[in-house]
Amino acid sequence: MIPTPHIELKDKDKIAKVVLMPGDPLRAKWIAETYLTDVVQINGVRNMLGFTGKFGKKKVTVMGSGMGMPSIGIYSYELFAFYGVEKIIRVGSAGAYSPNLKLYDVVLASAAWSESSYAKTMGVTNRSTIRPNKSLNNRILRSAEKLGVPVKEAVIHSSDVFYRMTPDEYKDIYAKHNAECVEMESFALFANARALGKQAACILTISDSLVTKEATSSAERQSSFNRMIEVVLNSL
């Protein structure tokens, strides 16, 4: 079933076995242009840009996922199921729930907790917590140690809602579920990997804090999370 409804590429060999997946397609473009050589664009449907190139001798694909679990659910499923992708590493931004996390801190998800019905509706699990691939996480941690980049493993909250009518609810989520930061995609990515027997991980840079109300700009979010990207690329 290629091309798929959302990825136009007809030759699956032009997509690497490992895919880095930021939410923003422009961030995918920036990663490809900044870190990869011999770059070829492999998708432009709905402007969900994807690129394949090389990091050293390693073939790597970088592709946007869009925002939210339904969006990453579609793209990651099609990559896993129809294009032969074995590993997807989400590289994204997160909002801090914990006072111990500061702007630009790097967090590796040890688990994703969510109120979302994504995994249940898909028929994967009724559980509200799904874990990433342990060996993939360990490779990322070894790479971070080698590069001297501090990385904190933590439970993260994958939320269906960006704007809440109860803005202080994060305090209860932090207290009850030990979720130290929030994003909107990883629970679905981990569910797809579990359903299809693939590997997934998520590494995040803190872009804002619900505790201190500090925040980065959109330009900073697009181009200044380089430590996180370098850790992932050197783990491959």
Foldseek 3Di string as FASTA:
>chain_A
DPPDPFWNARALVQAALEEEEEQDQLLLVVCCVPAFPPKDWRGCGVHFTKIWGDRVNGIYIYTHQHAFAVRVLVVLLCCVPPSNHFEYEYEYEWAFLDPVADAFAKEWEQKEFEPDCLLVVVPQDPDRIFGFDPVLVVLLVVLCVVVVHDYHYFYAYAYRDDDDPPLVCSNVCCVPVVHGIYGHHDVSSRSSCSVRVHGYIYMYGYAYYSVVRDGHDPVCRSPVSVSSVSSNVVSD
